[in-house]
Amino acid sequence: MTRIADGQALWTARSSGDPLIAMAIGDGDDYVVSGDAGGLVAIWSLAQGKLVREFAAHDASIIGIICDRRTIISCCHGIDLHDNERDSEIKIWKAR
């Protein structure tokens, strides 16, 4: 997150390994949800600038995420990194 007035970063989210591909800001601006190339979803607290939770959502690269206070929806399309099979899915997760 960056202060617009001076361009100084307030905090920086770092992936645990694979590149970050998608992100969405939660309803109410309380958190950011990100998805990476390895299929991992991460939930970040904006107030604390820290990782709250992460979980394996897909076997392929996440290409889109939307969220609100109750739900996270993620989608992927690509080749599974482990066995070269296709994974094209939309999954719905309970956020709380």
N, C-alpha and C. Protein backbone atom coordinates (compact mmCIF):
# COMPACT_ATOMS: atom_id res chain seq x y z
N MET A 1 0.86 -1.16 0.00
CA MET A 1 0.00 0.00 0.00
C MET A 1 0.91 1.23 0.00
N THR A 2 0.51 2.29 -0.70
CA THR A 2 1.35 3.47 -0.86
C THR A 2 0.57 4.74 -0.55
N ARG A 3 1.22 5.67 0.15
CA ARG A 3 0.63 6.99 0.33
C ARG A 3 0.76 7.73 -0.98
N ILE A 4 -0.33 8.22 -1.50
CA ILE A 4 -0.31 8.87 -2.80
C ILE A 4 0.48 10.18 -2.77
N ALA A 5 0.40 10.92 -1.67
CA ALA A 5 1.06 12.22 -1.60
C ALA A 5 2.56 12.15 -1.83
N ASP A 6 3.23 11.16 -1.24
CA ASP A 6 4.69 11.10 -1.38
C ASP A 6 5.20 9.81 -2.02
N GLY A 7 4.30 8.89 -2.35
CA GLY A 7 4.71 7.65 -3.02
C GLY A 7 5.43 6.66 -2.13
N GLN A 8 5.42 6.87 -0.81
CA GLN A 8 6.11 5.97 0.11
C GLN A 8 5.23 4.76 0.43
N ALA A 9 5.80 3.56 0.29
CA ALA A 9 5.05 2.34 0.58
C ALA A 9 4.78 2.23 2.08
N LEU A 10 3.53 1.93 2.45
CA LEU A 10 3.18 1.73 3.85
C LEU A 10 3.53 0.32 4.29
N TRP A 11 3.36 -0.64 3.41
CA TRP A 11 3.82 -2.02 3.63
C TRP A 11 3.84 -2.74 2.31
N THR A 12 4.58 -3.84 2.27
CA THR A 12 4.75 -4.62 1.05
C THR A 12 4.40 -6.07 1.33
N ALA A 13 3.54 -6.65 0.51
CA ALA A 13 3.20 -8.07 0.61
C ALA A 13 4.18 -8.86 -0.24
N ARG A 14 4.69 -9.95 0.30
CA ARG A 14 5.61 -10.80 -0.42
C ARG A 14 5.05 -12.22 -0.51
N SER A 15 5.11 -12.77 -1.69
CA SER A 15 4.67 -14.14 -1.92
C SER A 15 5.62 -15.11 -1.23
N SER A 16 5.12 -16.28 -0.90
CA SER A 16 5.96 -17.29 -0.27
C SER A 16 6.79 -18.07 -1.28
N GLY A 17 6.72 -17.71 -2.54
CA GLY A 17 7.53 -18.41 -3.53
C GLY A 17 7.15 -18.10 -4.96
N ASP A 18 5.92 -18.39 -5.33
CA ASP A 18 5.47 -18.16 -6.70
C ASP A 18 5.04 -16.70 -6.88
N PRO A 19 5.12 -16.19 -8.11
CA PRO A 19 4.73 -14.80 -8.36
C PRO A 19 3.26 -14.55 -8.06
N LEU A 20 2.95 -13.37 -7.50
CA LEU A 20 1.57 -12.97 -7.28
C LEU A 20 0.96 -12.62 -8.63
N ILE A 21 -0.25 -13.13 -8.89
CA ILE A 21 -0.91 -12.94 -10.18
C ILE A 21 -2.17 -12.08 -10.05
N ALA A 22 -2.95 -12.30 -9.00
CA ALA A 22 -4.24 -11.62 -8.86
C ALA A 22 -4.41 -11.11 -7.44
N MET A 23 -5.21 -10.05 -7.29
CA MET A 23 -5.52 -9.55 -5.95
C MET A 23 -6.84 -8.80 -5.98
N ALA A 24 -7.45 -8.72 -4.81
CA ALA A 24 -8.69 -7.97 -4.64
C ALA A 24 -8.69 -7.37 -3.25
N ILE A 25 -9.28 -6.21 -3.13
CA ILE A 25 -9.41 -5.59 -1.81
C ILE A 25 -10.78 -5.96 -1.26
N GLY A 26 -10.82 -6.33 0.01
CA GLY A 26 -12.06 -6.77 0.62
C GLY A 26 -13.03 -5.63 0.86
N ASP A 27 -14.29 -5.98 0.95
CA ASP A 27 -15.35 -5.03 1.25
C ASP A 27 -15.05 -4.35 2.59
N GLY A 28 -15.03 -3.05 2.63
CA GLY A 28 -14.73 -2.33 3.86
C GLY A 28 -13.25 -2.01 3.99
N ASP A 29 -12.44 -2.41 3.01
CA ASP A 29 -11.01 -2.11 3.00
C ASP A 29 -10.25 -2.69 4.19
N ASP A 30 -10.72 -3.79 4.76
CA ASP A 30 -10.05 -4.39 5.91
C ASP A 30 -8.92 -5.31 5.51
N TYR A 31 -9.02 -5.92 4.34
CA TYR A 31 -8.02 -6.89 3.94
C TYR A 31 -7.85 -6.93 2.43
N VAL A 32 -6.73 -7.52 2.03
CA VAL A 32 -6.44 -7.77 0.62
C VAL A 32 -6.30 -9.28 0.46
N VAL A 33 -6.85 -9.82 -0.61
CA VAL A 33 -6.71 -11.24 -0.92
C VAL A 33 -5.88 -11.34 -2.19
N SER A 34 -4.86 -12.20 -2.16
CA SER A 34 -4.01 -12.38 -3.34
C SER A 34 -3.99 -13.84 -3.76
N GLY A 35 -3.69 -14.06 -5.03
CA GLY A 35 -3.53 -15.41 -5.57
C GLY A 35 -2.23 -15.48 -6.33
N ASP A 36 -1.55 -16.62 -6.25
CA ASP A 36 -0.25 -16.70 -6.91
C ASP A 36 -0.22 -17.77 -8.01
N ALA A 37 0.91 -17.85 -8.67
CA ALA A 37 1.07 -18.76 -9.81
C ALA A 37 1.05 -20.23 -9.39
N GLY A 38 1.26 -20.51 -8.13
CA GLY A 38 1.22 -21.88 -7.63
C GLY A 38 -0.13 -22.32 -7.11
N GLY A 39 -1.15 -21.43 -7.17
CA GLY A 39 -2.49 -21.77 -6.72
C GLY A 39 -2.78 -21.42 -5.27
N LEU A 40 -1.90 -20.68 -4.62
CA LEU A 40 -2.05 -20.31 -3.21
C LEU A 40 -2.86 -19.02 -3.09
N VAL A 41 -3.84 -19.00 -2.17
CA VAL A 41 -4.59 -17.80 -1.83
C VAL A 41 -4.06 -17.30 -0.49
N ALA A 42 -3.83 -15.99 -0.39
CA ALA A 42 -3.35 -15.38 0.85
C ALA A 42 -4.27 -14.23 1.23
N ILE A 43 -4.54 -14.10 2.53
CA ILE A 43 -5.36 -13.01 3.06
C ILE A 43 -4.45 -12.14 3.91
N TRP A 44 -4.41 -10.85 3.57
CA TRP A 44 -3.52 -9.89 4.22
C TRP A 44 -4.34 -8.84 4.97
N SER A 45 -3.95 -8.51 6.20
CA SER A 45 -4.58 -7.44 6.96
C SER A 45 -4.01 -6.10 6.51
N LEU A 46 -4.88 -5.20 6.07
CA LEU A 46 -4.41 -3.87 5.69
C LEU A 46 -3.96 -3.06 6.91
N ALA A 47 -4.67 -3.20 8.02
CA ALA A 47 -4.35 -2.44 9.23
C ALA A 47 -2.98 -2.83 9.79
N GLN A 48 -2.68 -4.15 9.77
CA GLN A 48 -1.44 -4.64 10.35
C GLN A 48 -0.33 -4.81 9.31
N GLY A 49 -0.70 -4.89 8.04
CA GLY A 49 0.29 -5.13 7.00
C GLY A 49 0.91 -6.51 7.10
N LYS A 50 0.13 -7.48 7.59
CA LYS A 50 0.64 -8.83 7.81
C LYS A 50 -0.24 -9.88 7.15
N LEU A 51 0.37 -11.02 6.89
CA LEU A 51 -0.36 -12.18 6.38
C LEU A 51 -1.24 -12.74 7.49
N VAL A 52 -2.53 -12.89 7.21
CA VAL A 52 -3.48 -13.43 8.18
C VAL A 52 -3.63 -14.94 8.01
N ARG A 53 -3.75 -15.36 6.74
CA ARG A 53 -3.97 -16.78 6.45
C ARG A 53 -3.63 -17.05 5.00
N GLU A 54 -3.17 -18.26 4.72
CA GLU A 54 -2.99 -18.69 3.34
C GLU A 54 -3.38 -20.15 3.22
N PHE A 55 -3.82 -20.53 2.02
CA PHE A 55 -4.23 -21.91 1.80
C PHE A 55 -4.09 -22.26 0.32
N ALA A 56 -3.88 -23.54 0.06
CA ALA A 56 -3.78 -24.03 -1.31
C ALA A 56 -5.19 -24.11 -1.89
N ALA A 57 -5.46 -23.28 -2.89
CA ALA A 57 -6.79 -23.20 -3.48
C ALA A 57 -6.92 -23.98 -4.78
N HIS A 58 -5.85 -23.97 -5.58
CA HIS A 58 -5.88 -24.60 -6.90
C HIS A 58 -4.55 -25.30 -7.16
N ASP A 59 -4.55 -26.17 -8.15
CA ASP A 59 -3.33 -26.85 -8.57
C ASP A 59 -2.63 -26.13 -9.72
N ALA A 60 -3.16 -24.97 -10.12
CA ALA A 60 -2.59 -24.20 -11.21
C ALA A 60 -2.65 -22.72 -10.86
N SER A 61 -2.14 -21.89 -11.71
CA SER A 61 -2.06 -20.45 -11.48
C SER A 61 -3.44 -19.82 -11.31
N ILE A 62 -3.59 -19.04 -10.24
CA ILE A 62 -4.83 -18.30 -10.04
C ILE A 62 -4.81 -17.09 -10.95
N ILE A 63 -5.87 -16.92 -11.73
CA ILE A 63 -5.90 -15.80 -12.67
C ILE A 63 -6.91 -14.73 -12.27
N GLY A 64 -7.72 -14.99 -11.25
CA GLY A 64 -8.68 -13.98 -10.81
C GLY A 64 -9.19 -14.25 -9.41
N ILE A 65 -9.46 -13.18 -8.68
CA ILE A 65 -10.02 -13.26 -7.33
C ILE A 65 -10.98 -12.10 -7.15
N ILE A 66 -12.14 -12.38 -6.54
CA ILE A 66 -13.03 -11.33 -6.04
C ILE A 66 -13.42 -11.72 -4.63
N CYS A 67 -13.80 -10.73 -3.82
CA CYS A 67 -14.14 -11.05 -2.43
C CYS A 67 -15.03 -9.98 -1.83
N ASP A 68 -15.72 -10.39 -0.77
CA ASP A 68 -16.42 -9.46 0.10
C ASP A 68 -16.19 -9.95 1.53
N ARG A 69 -16.95 -9.48 2.47
CA ARG A 69 -16.72 -9.85 3.88
C ARG A 69 -16.95 -11.33 4.16
N ARG A 70 -17.77 -12.00 3.35
CA ARG A 70 -18.14 -13.38 3.63
C ARG A 70 -17.56 -14.41 2.66
N THR A 71 -17.19 -13.98 1.45
CA THR A 71 -16.87 -14.93 0.40
C THR A 71 -15.62 -14.52 -0.38
N ILE A 72 -14.83 -15.53 -0.75
CA ILE A 72 -13.72 -15.34 -1.68
C ILE A 72 -14.00 -16.27 -2.86
N ILE A 73 -13.94 -15.73 -4.08
CA ILE A 73 -14.11 -16.54 -5.28
C ILE A 73 -12.81 -16.47 -6.06
N SER A 74 -12.24 -17.64 -6.35
CA SER A 74 -10.98 -17.70 -7.10
C SER A 74 -11.17 -18.55 -8.34
N CYS A 75 -10.41 -18.23 -9.37
CA CYS A 75 -10.46 -19.03 -10.58
C CYS A 75 -9.05 -19.23 -11.12
N CYS A 76 -8.89 -20.33 -11.83
CA CYS A 76 -7.58 -20.64 -12.39
C CYS A 76 -7.76 -21.28 -13.76
N HIS A 77 -6.68 -21.25 -14.50
CA HIS A 77 -6.65 -21.92 -15.79
C HIS A 77 -5.20 -22.14 -16.13
N GLY A 78 -4.84 -23.35 -16.34
CA GLY A 78 -3.44 -23.61 -16.67
C GLY A 78 -3.06 -25.05 -16.48
N ILE A 79 -1.79 -25.27 -16.49
CA ILE A 79 -1.23 -26.61 -16.32
C ILE A 79 -0.83 -26.80 -14.86
N ASP A 80 -1.26 -27.90 -14.27
CA ASP A 80 -0.85 -28.26 -12.92
C ASP A 80 0.67 -28.35 -12.88
N LEU A 81 1.28 -27.70 -11.92
CA LEU A 81 2.74 -27.67 -11.83
C LEU A 81 3.34 -29.04 -11.52
N HIS A 82 2.53 -29.95 -10.99
CA HIS A 82 3.06 -31.23 -10.53
C HIS A 82 2.89 -32.37 -11.52
N ASP A 83 1.77 -32.41 -12.25
CA ASP A 83 1.55 -33.55 -13.14
C ASP A 83 1.09 -33.16 -14.56
N ASN A 84 1.22 -31.90 -14.91
CA ASN A 84 0.92 -31.40 -16.25
C ASN A 84 -0.52 -31.62 -16.71
N GLU A 85 -1.47 -31.76 -15.79
CA GLU A 85 -2.87 -31.88 -16.17
C GLU A 85 -3.54 -30.52 -16.06
N ARG A 86 -4.61 -30.33 -16.82
CA ARG A 86 -5.33 -29.06 -16.83
C ARG A 86 -6.13 -28.88 -15.55
N ASP A 87 -6.15 -27.66 -15.06
CA ASP A 87 -6.98 -27.28 -13.92
C ASP A 87 -7.68 -25.99 -14.31
N SER A 88 -8.95 -26.07 -14.67
CA SER A 88 -9.76 -24.90 -14.98
C SER A 88 -10.97 -24.92 -14.06
N GLU A 89 -10.90 -24.13 -13.00
CA GLU A 89 -11.94 -24.20 -11.99
C GLU A 89 -12.26 -22.82 -11.45
N ILE A 90 -13.47 -22.69 -10.95
CA ILE A 90 -13.88 -21.57 -10.11
C ILE A 90 -14.24 -22.19 -8.76
N LYS A 91 -13.67 -21.63 -7.70
CA LYS A 91 -13.97 -22.14 -6.36
C LYS A 91 -14.46 -21.00 -5.49
N ILE A 92 -15.39 -21.33 -4.60
CA ILE A 92 -15.97 -20.35 -3.67
C ILE A 92 -15.58 -20.76 -2.26
N TRP A 93 -15.03 -19.79 -1.51
CA TRP A 93 -14.53 -20.04 -0.17
C TRP A 93 -15.27 -19.16 0.82
N LYS A 94 -15.52 -19.68 2.01
CA LYS A 94 -16.08 -18.89 3.09
C LYS A 94 -14.93 -18.08 3.70
N ALA A 95 -15.07 -16.76 3.74
CA ALA A 95 -13.97 -15.89 4.19
C ALA A 95 -13.81 -15.88 5.70
N ARG A 96 -14.85 -16.09 6.41
CA ARG A 96 -14.77 -16.02 7.90
C ARG A 96 -15.31 -17.26 8.54
